[in-house]
Amino acid sequence: MARINKVRAYKLFNEMKKKSEDVIKNPELFKKMLADAREILEGKGSGPLKDIADQIKLLLAMLNDYRIGSYRRVPLRTILSIAGAVLYLISPIDAIPDFIPVVGMLDDIFIINFVWKQLAKDLLDYKLWRLENNEGKRIITPEGEVREYVTTDFKLIDPSLIDNTNEDG
């Protein structure tokens, strides 16, 4: 079983995060980064990325909503972290080369999960914003189905982020 060199992965991720500053300032590069990530997700979505495909889609949606200016209630550091993770995902240079079947995506998954956990509150805020502001009160499921939603559809919210304590006692 391949081991992920976490130190190398973090180092490369931090380099990508620095590069992401230039990418988000350039509309064409920003758009290309998102398109490249979607292409990778479509190509490898049935492989190792399958388990985190919904996470990646949400990260890409947040970046795209930031890019077009519809969602700006997010710290710049959050956008840079997400963009850094996406650059890591699309870069051929990472801790485990992507061309190695199955194992090559483990470090990418590690970085996506790291960012996901670090930005849980910002991501929850974004999910709630999407629920409140989605035009027509519809959402597209990961399977591509368009459906009406209600705010109690907590499938869209990571259950681990919801406080289940009873306020009455």
Protein backbone atom coordinates (compact mmCIF):
# COMPACT_ATOMS: atom_id res chain seq x y z
CA MET A 1 0.00 0.00 0.00
CA ALA A 2 1.36 3.42 -0.92
CA ARG A 3 2.00 5.91 1.83
CA ILE A 4 1.29 9.57 1.35
CA ASN A 5 4.21 11.82 2.15
CA LYS A 6 2.08 14.34 4.07
CA VAL A 7 4.93 16.82 4.53
CA ARG A 8 5.58 16.88 0.79
CA ALA A 9 1.85 17.10 0.05
CA TYR A 10 1.40 20.05 2.45
CA LYS A 11 4.46 21.78 1.00
CA LEU A 12 3.18 21.41 -2.56
CA PHE A 13 -0.32 22.47 -1.47
CA ASN A 14 1.10 25.66 0.08
CA GLU A 15 2.95 26.38 -3.16
CA MET A 16 -0.30 25.91 -5.09
CA LYS A 17 -2.10 28.18 -2.63
CA LYS A 18 0.44 30.93 -3.36
CA LYS A 19 -0.03 30.40 -7.12
CA SER A 20 -3.79 30.60 -6.66
CA GLU A 21 -3.49 34.32 -5.85
CA ASP A 22 -2.40 34.98 -9.44
CA VAL A 23 -5.01 32.61 -10.85
CA ILE A 24 -8.00 34.22 -9.13
CA LYS A 25 -6.84 37.67 -10.28
CA ASN A 26 -6.86 36.53 -13.91
CA PRO A 27 -10.41 35.80 -15.15
CA GLU A 28 -9.24 33.55 -17.99
CA LEU A 29 -6.89 31.50 -15.79
CA PHE A 30 -9.58 31.25 -13.11
CA LYS A 31 -12.11 29.96 -15.64
CA LYS A 32 -9.58 27.52 -17.14
CA MET A 33 -8.67 26.15 -13.69
CA LEU A 34 -12.34 25.38 -13.02
CA ALA A 35 -12.81 23.78 -16.44
CA ASP A 36 -9.68 21.64 -16.00
CA ALA A 37 -10.90 20.45 -12.59
CA ARG A 38 -14.33 19.56 -13.98
CA GLU A 39 -12.64 17.61 -16.78
CA ILE A 40 -10.55 15.64 -14.28
CA LEU A 41 -13.62 14.97 -12.18
CA GLU A 42 -15.52 13.67 -15.22
CA GLY A 43 -12.58 11.53 -16.33
CA LYS A 44 -11.72 10.08 -12.94
CA GLY A 45 -15.07 10.44 -11.20
CA SER A 46 -15.67 6.71 -11.29
CA GLY A 47 -12.24 5.93 -9.84
CA PRO A 48 -10.63 7.02 -6.59
CA LEU A 49 -12.24 10.49 -6.74
CA LYS A 50 -15.71 8.95 -6.75
CA ASP A 51 -16.02 9.11 -2.96
CA ILE A 52 -15.22 12.82 -2.81
CA ALA A 53 -16.81 13.93 -6.09
CA ASP A 54 -19.64 15.78 -4.31
CA GLN A 55 -17.11 17.62 -2.15
CA ILE A 56 -15.10 18.66 -5.19
CA LYS A 57 -18.26 19.78 -7.01
CA LEU A 58 -19.22 21.99 -4.08
CA LEU A 59 -15.72 23.49 -3.90
CA LEU A 60 -15.85 24.22 -7.63
CA ALA A 61 -19.33 25.73 -7.33
CA MET A 62 -18.15 28.02 -4.53
CA LEU A 63 -15.16 29.13 -6.57
CA ASN A 64 -17.35 29.73 -9.61
CA ASP A 65 -19.90 31.75 -7.62
CA TYR A 66 -17.00 33.79 -6.22
CA ARG A 67 -15.55 34.21 -9.72
CA ILE A 68 -18.80 35.56 -11.20
CA GLY A 69 -19.39 37.75 -8.15
CA SER A 70 -22.60 36.17 -6.90
CA TYR A 71 -21.04 34.95 -3.63
CA ARG A 72 -18.55 37.17 -1.84
CA ARG A 73 -19.41 36.47 1.82
CA VAL A 74 -16.29 34.41 2.18
CA PRO A 75 -12.79 35.26 3.42
CA LEU A 76 -10.16 35.51 0.71
CA ARG A 77 -8.05 32.94 2.58
CA THR A 78 -10.88 30.43 2.05
CA ILE A 79 -10.96 31.08 -1.70
CA LEU A 80 -7.16 30.80 -1.87
CA SER A 81 -7.20 27.50 0.05
CA ILE A 82 -9.88 26.04 -2.21
CA ALA A 83 -8.14 27.31 -5.36
CA GLY A 84 -4.85 25.88 -4.04
CA ALA A 85 -6.49 22.49 -3.53
CA VAL A 86 -7.98 22.62 -7.02
CA LEU A 87 -4.60 23.55 -8.51
CA TYR A 88 -3.09 20.62 -6.60
CA LEU A 89 -5.77 18.35 -8.06
CA ILE A 90 -5.13 19.44 -11.65
CA SER A 91 -1.35 19.66 -11.37
CA PRO A 92 0.68 16.71 -12.61
CA ILE A 93 3.30 17.59 -9.97
CA ASP A 94 2.26 16.33 -6.56
CA ALA A 95 3.36 13.98 -3.79
CA ILE A 96 2.24 10.85 -5.66
CA PRO A 97 2.23 11.19 -9.48
CA ASP A 98 -1.32 10.98 -10.84
CA PHE A 99 -0.33 8.66 -13.68
CA ILE A 100 0.08 5.80 -11.18
CA PRO A 101 -3.28 3.99 -11.35
CA VAL A 102 -5.51 4.40 -8.27
CA VAL A 103 -2.65 5.23 -5.89
CA GLY A 104 -1.76 8.40 -7.80
CA MET A 105 -4.92 10.15 -6.61
CA LEU A 106 -4.47 9.40 -2.89
CA ASP A 107 -2.54 12.60 -2.17
CA ASP A 108 -5.12 14.63 -4.10
CA ILE A 109 -7.88 13.09 -1.98
CA PHE A 110 -5.83 13.81 1.15
CA ILE A 111 -5.50 17.53 0.24
CA ILE A 112 -9.19 17.90 -0.72
CA ASN A 113 -10.23 16.32 2.60
CA PHE A 114 -7.76 18.51 4.50
CA VAL A 115 -9.19 21.68 2.95
CA TRP A 116 -12.76 20.42 3.44
CA LYS A 117 -12.18 19.95 7.18
CA GLN A 118 -10.33 23.25 7.59
CA LEU A 119 -13.11 25.23 5.90
CA ALA A 120 -16.16 23.40 7.31
CA LYS A 121 -17.85 26.54 8.63
CA ASP A 122 -17.31 28.55 5.42
CA LEU A 123 -18.60 25.61 3.38
CA LEU A 124 -21.68 25.26 5.57
CA ASP A 125 -22.34 29.01 5.20
CA TYR A 126 -22.04 28.61 1.43
CA LYS A 127 -24.41 25.62 1.37
CA LEU A 128 -26.98 27.58 3.35
CA TRP A 129 -26.55 30.58 1.04
CA ARG A 130 -27.16 28.32 -1.95
CA LEU A 131 -30.34 27.02 -0.34
CA GLU A 132 -31.57 30.55 0.35
CA ASN A 133 -30.60 32.03 -3.01
CA ASN A 134 -30.98 29.27 -5.53
CA GLU A 135 -33.09 30.65 -8.36
CA GLY A 136 -36.43 28.93 -8.65
CA LYS A 137 -35.78 27.06 -5.42
CA ARG A 138 -34.39 24.10 -7.32
CA ILE A 139 -31.20 22.19 -6.97
CA ILE A 140 -29.37 19.81 -9.26
CA THR A 141 -28.48 16.56 -7.53
CA PRO A 142 -25.11 14.88 -8.15
CA GLU A 143 -27.01 12.50 -10.46
CA GLY A 144 -28.09 15.49 -12.59
CA GLU A 145 -31.75 15.47 -11.50
CA VAL A 146 -33.45 18.83 -11.01
CA ARG A 147 -35.68 18.85 -7.95
CA GLU A 148 -37.46 21.21 -5.65
CA TYR A 149 -35.93 21.49 -2.24
CA VAL A 150 -36.93 22.55 1.21
CA THR A 151 -34.62 23.83 3.91
CA THR A 152 -35.07 20.61 5.85
CA ASP A 153 -33.30 18.64 3.11
CA PHE A 154 -30.22 18.13 5.26
CA LYS A 155 -28.65 15.75 2.78
CA LEU A 156 -27.08 18.91 1.40
CA ILE A 157 -25.51 19.67 4.77
CA ASP A 158 -22.81 17.54 6.34
CA PRO A 159 -24.58 15.98 9.36
CA SER A 160 -21.41 16.22 11.44
CA LEU A 161 -21.68 20.01 11.27
CA ILE A 162 -25.17 20.15 12.77
CA ASP A 163 -25.53 20.60 16.53
CA ASN A 164 -27.98 17.92 17.63
CA THR A 165 -28.09 18.91 21.26
CA ASN A 166 -31.51 19.60 22.76
CA GLU A 167 -31.84 23.22 23.86
CA ASP A 168 -34.48 22.24 26.45
CA GLY A 169 -32.15 20.17 28.47
